[in-house]
Amino acid sequence: MRHRFSRLAAVLTLLAMGLSPTARVVAADTLPVVSIRASDRTASEPGTNPGAFTVTRTGDTRTSLTVGYTVSGTATTGVDYTALSGSVVIPAGARTATILVTPLDDLTIERPETVVVALATSLPYTIGTPSAAIIRVQDNDGRERRETEDERPGWGRGDDNHEHFGPPGLGCRATDSCKDDDDDRVLSAVGSRHQDKDDAPSAHGRGREQSRGRR
């Protein structure tokens, strides 16, 4: 009996507000459902290759829809990538909107890091699946050799007092042919100057360069 009175009271309240008793159910059923996916899963420095999340909605598209989201992951906002606003607007007439993740270039050598965007609950919509997505931010400094003026190769004399071509401070013995494994520059051959790794003779004047270690 108490349940009946509660239900009757709810109906009378809706009628007093000028709404039908089914208004609440209909409103819930017509809310758009939003979801998110990583449409471009990889972003890389120096920022010319951004990653992208795509937010999609269902239902009526006659008006714009603002969708909120939270950001997490191992990448640092404002340091590893441009800070995200926390919301995206799906324009009127459209079903999707894009969230770009633009990496910020730095000189730090890092492993790939992640940016995770999860949809935030809001009244104008309900959250569907998937409700979160992930993008990887790739570093470019590990693949580049950045040389200062002091590190750039040039002709000089090593410990053996023979000329060599390479970074300052590298010495070679008189019987060795030496090589910088980082960039394949041949550094010395006794009594002569050789820069091409394929044509450099050995210390005894025969064949191609054989030694691959540093001295």
C-alpha atoms as a PDB file:
ATOM      1  CA  MET A   1       0.000   0.000   0.000  1.00  0.00           C
ATOM      2  CA  ARG A   2       2.841   2.370   0.884  1.00  0.00           C
ATOM      3  CA  HIS A   3       4.477   1.666  -2.515  1.00  0.00           C
ATOM      4  CA  ARG A   4       1.237   2.615  -4.287  1.00  0.00           C
ATOM      5  CA  PHE A   5       1.039   5.917  -2.445  1.00  0.00           C
ATOM      6  CA  SER A   6       4.691   6.689  -3.310  1.00  0.00           C
ATOM      7  CA  ARG A   7       4.089   5.969  -6.969  1.00  0.00           C
ATOM      8  CA  LEU A   8       0.918   8.075  -6.956  1.00  0.00           C
ATOM      9  CA  ALA A   9       2.781  10.939  -5.327  1.00  0.00           C
ATOM     10  CA  ALA A  10       5.462  10.773  -8.025  1.00  0.00           C
ATOM     11  CA  VAL A  11       2.843  10.857 -10.788  1.00  0.00           C
ATOM     12  CA  LEU A  12       1.064  13.824  -9.188  1.00  0.00           C
ATOM     13  CA  THR A  13       4.392  15.659  -8.909  1.00  0.00           C
ATOM     14  CA  LEU A  14       5.133  15.141 -12.608  1.00  0.00           C
ATOM     15  CA  LEU A  15       1.646  16.302 -13.572  1.00  0.00           C
ATOM     16  CA  ALA A  16       2.042  19.406 -11.437  1.00  0.00           C
ATOM     17  CA  MET A  17       5.267  20.178 -13.325  1.00  0.00           C
ATOM     18  CA  GLY A  18       3.457  19.852 -16.629  1.00  0.00           C
ATOM     19  CA  LEU A  19       5.225  16.601 -17.503  1.00  0.00           C
ATOM     20  CA  SER A  20       3.755  13.235 -18.349  1.00  0.00           C
ATOM     21  CA  PRO A  21       4.388  10.328 -15.955  1.00  0.00           C
ATOM     22  CA  THR A  22       6.670   8.724 -18.581  1.00  0.00           C
ATOM     23  CA  ALA A  23       8.784  11.845 -19.149  1.00  0.00           C
ATOM     24  CA  ARG A  24      11.637  10.668 -16.946  1.00  0.00           C
ATOM     25  CA  VAL A  25      11.934   7.315 -18.730  1.00  0.00           C
ATOM     26  CA  VAL A  26      11.711   8.873 -22.201  1.00  0.00           C
ATOM     27  CA  ALA A  27      14.382  11.468 -21.341  1.00  0.00           C
ATOM     28  CA  ALA A  28      16.802   8.765 -20.193  1.00  0.00           C
ATOM     29  CA  ASP A  29      16.203   6.717 -23.333  1.00  0.00           C
ATOM     30  CA  THR A  30      16.871   9.639 -25.674  1.00  0.00           C
ATOM     31  CA  LEU A  31      20.181  10.786 -24.156  1.00  0.00           C
ATOM     32  CA  PRO A  32      23.086  10.399 -26.589  1.00  0.00           C
ATOM     33  CA  VAL A  33      25.612   7.662 -25.868  1.00  0.00           C
ATOM     34  CA  VAL A  34      29.257   8.701 -26.238  1.00  0.00           C
ATOM     35  CA  SER A  35      32.331   6.519 -26.706  1.00  0.00           C
ATOM     36  CA  ILE A  36      36.019   7.041 -27.466  1.00  0.00           C
ATOM     37  CA  ARG A  37      38.745   5.252 -29.412  1.00  0.00           C
ATOM     38  CA  ALA A  38      42.343   5.922 -30.438  1.00  0.00           C
ATOM     39  CA  SER A  39      42.085   6.683 -34.155  1.00  0.00           C
ATOM     40  CA  ASP A  40      45.859   7.307 -34.365  1.00  0.00           C
ATOM     41  CA  ARG A  41      47.559   5.251 -31.659  1.00  0.00           C
ATOM     42  CA  THR A  42      51.065   6.722 -31.941  1.00  0.00           C
ATOM     43  CA  ALA A  43      52.363  10.254 -31.503  1.00  0.00           C
ATOM     44  CA  SER A  44      56.037  11.050 -32.007  1.00  0.00           C
ATOM     45  CA  GLU A  45      58.443  13.912 -31.454  1.00  0.00           C
ATOM     46  CA  PRO A  46      59.081  16.564 -32.592  1.00  0.00           C
ATOM     47  CA  GLY A  47      55.311  17.098 -32.847  1.00  0.00           C
ATOM     48  CA  THR A  48      54.729  16.783 -36.576  1.00  0.00           C
ATOM     49  CA  ASN A  49      53.034  13.413 -36.031  1.00  0.00           C
ATOM     50  CA  PRO A  50      50.309  13.878 -33.393  1.00  0.00           C
ATOM     51  CA  GLY A  51      48.187  11.059 -32.030  1.00  0.00           C
ATOM     52  CA  ALA A  52      44.396  11.289 -32.100  1.00  0.00           C
ATOM     53  CA  PHE A  53      41.372  10.202 -30.073  1.00  0.00           C
ATOM     54  CA  THR A  54      37.947  10.163 -31.733  1.00  0.00           C
ATOM     55  CA  VAL A  55      34.838  10.781 -29.616  1.00  0.00           C
ATOM     56  CA  THR A  56      31.570   9.496 -31.124  1.00  0.00           C
ATOM     57  CA  ARG A  57      27.955  10.120 -30.143  1.00  0.00           C
ATOM     58  CA  THR A  58      24.655   8.480 -31.021  1.00  0.00           C
ATOM     59  CA  GLY A  59      21.213  10.031 -31.331  1.00  0.00           C
ATOM     60  CA  ASP A  60      20.127  13.518 -32.336  1.00  0.00           C
ATOM     61  CA  THR A  61      22.840  15.662 -33.937  1.00  0.00           C
ATOM     62  CA  ARG A  62      20.856  18.880 -34.402  1.00  0.00           C
ATOM     63  CA  THR A  63      22.697  20.564 -31.539  1.00  0.00           C
ATOM     64  CA  SER A  64      26.316  20.527 -30.434  1.00  0.00           C
ATOM     65  CA  LEU A  65      27.388  18.328 -27.532  1.00  0.00           C
ATOM     66  CA  THR A  66      30.211  19.031 -25.088  1.00  0.00           C
ATOM     67  CA  VAL A  67      31.885  15.868 -23.810  1.00  0.00           C
ATOM     68  CA  GLY A  68      34.149  15.937 -20.771  1.00  0.00           C
ATOM     69  CA  TYR A  69      37.159  13.691 -20.211  1.00  0.00           C
ATOM     70  CA  THR A  70      40.029  13.049 -17.818  1.00  0.00           C
ATOM     71  CA  VAL A  71      43.678  12.535 -18.764  1.00  0.00           C
ATOM     72  CA  SER A  72      46.216  10.165 -17.206  1.00  0.00           C
ATOM     73  CA  GLY A  73      49.137   7.968 -18.296  1.00  0.00           C
ATOM     74  CA  THR A  74      52.917   7.923 -17.901  1.00  0.00           C
ATOM     75  CA  ALA A  75      53.532  10.933 -20.178  1.00  0.00           C
ATOM     76  CA  THR A  76      53.559  14.313 -18.408  1.00  0.00           C
ATOM     77  CA  THR A  77      51.074  16.898 -19.633  1.00  0.00           C
ATOM     78  CA  GLY A  78      52.703  20.175 -20.627  1.00  0.00           C
ATOM     79  CA  VAL A  79      56.123  18.499 -20.708  1.00  0.00           C
ATOM     80  CA  ASP A  80      55.832  15.485 -23.007  1.00  0.00           C
ATOM     81  CA  TYR A  81      52.787  16.772 -24.917  1.00  0.00           C
ATOM     82  CA  THR A  82      50.640  19.885 -25.208  1.00  0.00           C
ATOM     83  CA  ALA A  83      48.154  20.084 -22.338  1.00  0.00           C
ATOM     84  CA  LEU A  84      44.607  18.952 -23.146  1.00  0.00           C
ATOM     85  CA  SER A  85      41.554  21.024 -22.182  1.00  0.00           C
ATOM     86  CA  GLY A  86      39.459  18.287 -20.537  1.00  0.00           C
ATOM     87  CA  SER A  87      36.504  18.652 -22.900  1.00  0.00           C
ATOM     88  CA  VAL A  88      35.721  18.429 -26.605  1.00  0.00           C
ATOM     89  CA  VAL A  89      32.748  19.772 -28.572  1.00  0.00           C
ATOM     90  CA  ILE A  90      30.975  17.616 -31.138  1.00  0.00           C
ATOM     91  CA  PRO A  91      29.546  20.236 -33.525  1.00  0.00           C
ATOM     92  CA  ALA A  92      25.902  20.382 -34.561  1.00  0.00           C
ATOM     93  CA  GLY A  93      25.310  18.061 -37.489  1.00  0.00           C
ATOM     94  CA  ALA A  94      28.342  15.912 -36.626  1.00  0.00           C
ATOM     95  CA  ARG A  95      28.667  12.614 -34.810  1.00  0.00           C
ATOM     96  CA  THR A  96      32.383  12.768 -34.007  1.00  0.00           C
ATOM     97  CA  ALA A  97      35.068  15.098 -32.700  1.00  0.00           C
ATOM     98  CA  THR A  98      38.840  14.661 -32.481  1.00  0.00           C
ATOM     99  CA  ILE A  99      41.224  15.162 -29.563  1.00  0.00           C
ATOM    100  CA  LEU A 100      44.804  15.643 -30.794  1.00  0.00           C
ATOM    101  CA  VAL A 101      47.844  14.700 -28.708  1.00  0.00           C
ATOM    102  CA  THR A 102      50.810  16.787 -29.885  1.00  0.00           C
ATOM    103  CA  PRO A 103      54.223  15.748 -28.478  1.00  0.00           C
ATOM    104  CA  LEU A 104      56.646  18.405 -27.245  1.00  0.00           C
ATOM    105  CA  ASP A 105      60.237  17.919 -28.393  1.00  0.00           C
ATOM    106  CA  ASP A 106      62.965  17.813 -25.778  1.00  0.00           C
ATOM    107  CA  LEU A 107      66.542  16.579 -25.453  1.00  0.00           C
ATOM    108  CA  THR A 108      65.731  13.855 -22.939  1.00  0.00           C
ATOM    109  CA  ILE A 109      66.111  10.244 -24.059  1.00  0.00           C
ATOM    110  CA  GLU A 110      62.965   8.447 -22.899  1.00  0.00           C
ATOM    111  CA  ARG A 111      61.119   5.211 -23.411  1.00  0.00           C
ATOM    112  CA  PRO A 112      57.683   5.353 -25.095  1.00  0.00           C
ATOM    113  CA  GLU A 113      55.117   6.882 -22.735  1.00  0.00           C
ATOM    114  CA  THR A 114      51.329   6.764 -22.644  1.00  0.00           C
ATOM    115  CA  VAL A 115      48.418   9.199 -22.699  1.00  0.00           C
ATOM    116  CA  VAL A 116      45.104   7.779 -21.463  1.00  0.00           C
ATOM    117  CA  VAL A 117      41.834   9.660 -22.023  1.00  0.00           C
ATOM    118  CA  ALA A 118      38.695   8.486 -20.193  1.00  0.00           C
ATOM    119  CA  LEU A 119      35.231   9.938 -20.748  1.00  0.00           C
ATOM    120  CA  ALA A 120      33.781  11.839 -17.784  1.00  0.00           C
ATOM    121  CA  THR A 121      30.189  11.506 -16.622  1.00  0.00           C
ATOM    122  CA  SER A 122      27.862  14.383 -17.486  1.00  0.00           C
ATOM    123  CA  LEU A 123      24.094  14.997 -17.533  1.00  0.00           C
ATOM    124  CA  PRO A 124      23.553  15.560 -21.289  1.00  0.00           C
ATOM    125  CA  TYR A 125      24.818  12.090 -22.245  1.00  0.00           C
ATOM    126  CA  THR A 126      25.546   8.578 -21.069  1.00  0.00           C
ATOM    127  CA  ILE A 127      28.888   6.818 -21.455  1.00  0.00           C
ATOM    128  CA  GLY A 128      29.112   3.805 -23.714  1.00  0.00           C
ATOM    129  CA  THR A 129      31.980   1.481 -24.590  1.00  0.00           C
ATOM    130  CA  PRO A 130      34.823   1.865 -25.026  1.00  0.00           C
ATOM    131  CA  SER A 131      34.903   4.601 -22.416  1.00  0.00           C
ATOM    132  CA  ALA A 132      38.695   5.078 -22.450  1.00  0.00           C
ATOM    133  CA  ALA A 133      41.552   4.810 -24.953  1.00  0.00           C
ATOM    134  CA  ILE A 134      45.351   5.005 -24.968  1.00  0.00           C
ATOM    135  CA  ILE A 135      48.008   6.601 -27.190  1.00  0.00           C
ATOM    136  CA  ARG A 136      51.774   6.026 -27.085  1.00  0.00           C
ATOM    137  CA  VAL A 137      54.169   8.966 -27.294  1.00  0.00           C
ATOM    138  CA  GLN A 138      57.424   7.984 -29.028  1.00  0.00           C
ATOM    139  CA  ASP A 139      60.700   9.773 -28.256  1.00  0.00           C
ATOM    140  CA  ASN A 140      63.071  10.696 -31.080  1.00  0.00           C
ATOM    141  CA  ASP A 141      66.215  11.468 -29.085  1.00  0.00           C
ATOM    142  CA  GLY A 142      67.249   7.837 -28.722  1.00  0.00           C
ATOM    143  CA  ARG A 143      67.599   7.533 -32.498  1.00  0.00           C
ATOM    144  CA  GLU A 144      69.573  10.720 -32.987  1.00  0.00           C
ATOM    145  CA  ARG A 145      73.209  11.403 -32.187  1.00  0.00           C
ATOM    146  CA  ARG A 146      73.527  15.014 -31.100  1.00  0.00           C
ATOM    147  CA  GLU A 147      77.096  16.202 -31.342  1.00  0.00           C
ATOM    148  CA  THR A 148      78.567  19.287 -29.712  1.00  0.00           C
ATOM    149  CA  GLU A 149      81.389  21.182 -31.344  1.00  0.00           C
ATOM    150  CA  ASP A 150      83.916  19.273 -29.212  1.00  0.00           C
ATOM    151  CA  GLU A 151      82.505  15.900 -30.306  1.00  0.00           C
ATOM    152  CA  ARG A 152      82.648  16.492 -34.039  1.00  0.00           C
ATOM    153  CA  PRO A 153      85.315  14.443 -35.813  1.00  0.00           C
ATOM    154  CA  GLY A 154      88.442  15.909 -37.351  1.00  0.00           C
ATOM    155  CA  TRP A 155      92.014  15.004 -38.234  1.00  0.00           C
ATOM    156  CA  GLY A 156      94.393  14.663 -35.291  1.00  0.00           C
ATOM    157  CA  ARG A 157      97.124  12.492 -33.796  1.00  0.00           C
ATOM    158  CA  GLY A 158      96.449   9.564 -31.489  1.00  0.00           C
ATOM    159  CA  ASP A 159      98.575   7.847 -28.874  1.00  0.00           C
ATOM    160  CA  ASP A 160     100.692   6.308 -31.643  1.00  0.00           C
ATOM    161  CA  ASN A 161     101.471   9.788 -33.059  1.00  0.00           C
ATOM    162  CA  HIS A 162      99.896   8.748 -36.356  1.00  0.00           C
ATOM    163  CA  GLU A 163      97.116  10.755 -37.901  1.00  0.00           C
ATOM    164  CA  HIS A 164      93.566   9.613 -37.432  1.00  0.00           C
ATOM    165  CA  PHE A 165      90.099  10.904 -38.281  1.00  0.00           C
ATOM    166  CA  GLY A 166      87.588  10.924 -35.442  1.00  0.00           C
ATOM    167  CA  PRO A 167      86.373  12.609 -32.266  1.00  0.00           C
ATOM    168  CA  PRO A 168      89.066  14.355 -30.180  1.00  0.00           C
ATOM    169  CA  GLY A 169      90.825  12.250 -27.571  1.00  0.00           C
ATOM    170  CA  LEU A 170      90.606   8.923 -29.409  1.00  0.00           C
ATOM    171  CA  GLY A 171      94.004   7.229 -29.705  1.00  0.00           C
ATOM    172  CA  CYS A 172      94.996   4.280 -31.892  1.00  0.00           C
ATOM    173  CA  ARG A 173      97.996   1.989 -31.698  1.00  0.00           C
ATOM    174  CA  ALA A 174     100.348   1.664 -34.643  1.00  0.00           C
ATOM    175  CA  THR A 175      99.141  -1.846 -35.438  1.00  0.00           C
ATOM    176  CA  ASP A 176      95.419  -1.125 -35.213  1.00  0.00           C
ATOM    177  CA  SER A 177      92.679   0.066 -37.448  1.00  0.00           C
ATOM    178  CA  CYS A 178      89.981   1.689 -35.318  1.00  0.00           C
ATOM    179  CA  LYS A 179      86.328   2.434 -35.756  1.00  0.00           C
ATOM    180  CA  ASP A 180      83.588   4.399 -34.018  1.00  0.00           C
ATOM    181  CA  ASP A 181      80.730   1.878 -33.801  1.00  0.00           C
ATOM    182  CA  ASP A 182      78.137   4.626 -33.324  1.00  0.00           C
ATOM    183  CA  ASP A 183      78.382   6.077 -36.810  1.00  0.00           C
ATOM    184  CA  ASP A 184      80.686   3.732 -38.776  1.00  0.00           C
ATOM    185  CA  ARG A 185      83.501   6.247 -39.293  1.00  0.00           C
ATOM    186  CA  VAL A 186      86.894   4.659 -39.820  1.00  0.00           C
ATOM    187  CA  LEU A 187      89.271   6.499 -37.579  1.00  0.00           C
ATOM    188  CA  SER A 188      92.799   5.532 -38.538  1.00  0.00           C
ATOM    189  CA  ALA A 189      95.137   3.454 -40.575  1.00  0.00           C
ATOM    190  CA  VAL A 190      98.892   3.613 -40.062  1.00  0.00           C
ATOM    191  CA  GLY A 191     100.485   6.459 -41.933  1.00  0.00           C
ATOM    192  CA  SER A 192      97.468   7.357 -44.044  1.00  0.00           C
ATOM    193  CA  ARG A 193      94.062   9.010 -43.924  1.00  0.00           C
ATOM    194  CA  HIS A 194      90.983   6.900 -44.607  1.00  0.00           C
ATOM    195  CA  GLN A 195      87.384   7.903 -43.940  1.00  0.00           C
ATOM    196  CA  ASP A 196      85.374   5.327 -45.876  1.00  0.00           C
ATOM    197  CA  LYS A 197      84.853   2.151 -43.855  1.00  0.00           C
ATOM    198  CA  ASP A 198      84.665  -0.137 -46.867  1.00  0.00           C
ATOM    199  CA  ASP A 199      87.897   1.094 -48.452  1.00  0.00           C
ATOM    200  CA  ALA A 200      90.049   1.518 -45.366  1.00  0.00           C
ATOM    201  CA  PRO A 201      93.045  -0.872 -45.334  1.00  0.00           C
ATOM    202  CA  SER A 202      94.076  -2.760 -42.244  1.00  0.00           C
ATOM    203  CA  ALA A 203      97.072  -1.738 -40.191  1.00  0.00           C
ATOM    204  CA  HIS A 204      99.200  -4.002 -42.395  1.00  0.00           C
ATOM    205  CA  GLY A 205      97.926  -2.347 -45.575  1.00  0.00           C
ATOM    206  CA  ARG A 206      95.713  -5.240 -46.779  1.00  0.00           C
ATOM    207  CA  GLY A 207      91.991  -5.816 -47.092  1.00  0.00           C
ATOM    208  CA  ARG A 208      89.087  -4.039 -45.484  1.00  0.00           C
ATOM    209  CA  GLU A 209      88.917  -2.823 -41.933  1.00  0.00           C
ATOM    210  CA  GLN A 210      88.445  -5.786 -39.596  1.00  0.00           C
ATOM    211  CA  SER A 211      88.663  -4.462 -36.072  1.00  0.00           C
ATOM    212  CA  ARG A 212      85.310  -3.322 -34.651  1.00  0.00           C
ATOM    213  CA  GLY A 213      86.308  -2.440 -31.095  1.00  0.00           C
ATOM    214  CA  ARG A 214      87.589   0.787 -29.594  1.00  0.00           C
ATOM    215  CA  ARG A 215      90.982   1.057 -28.023  1.00  0.00           C
END
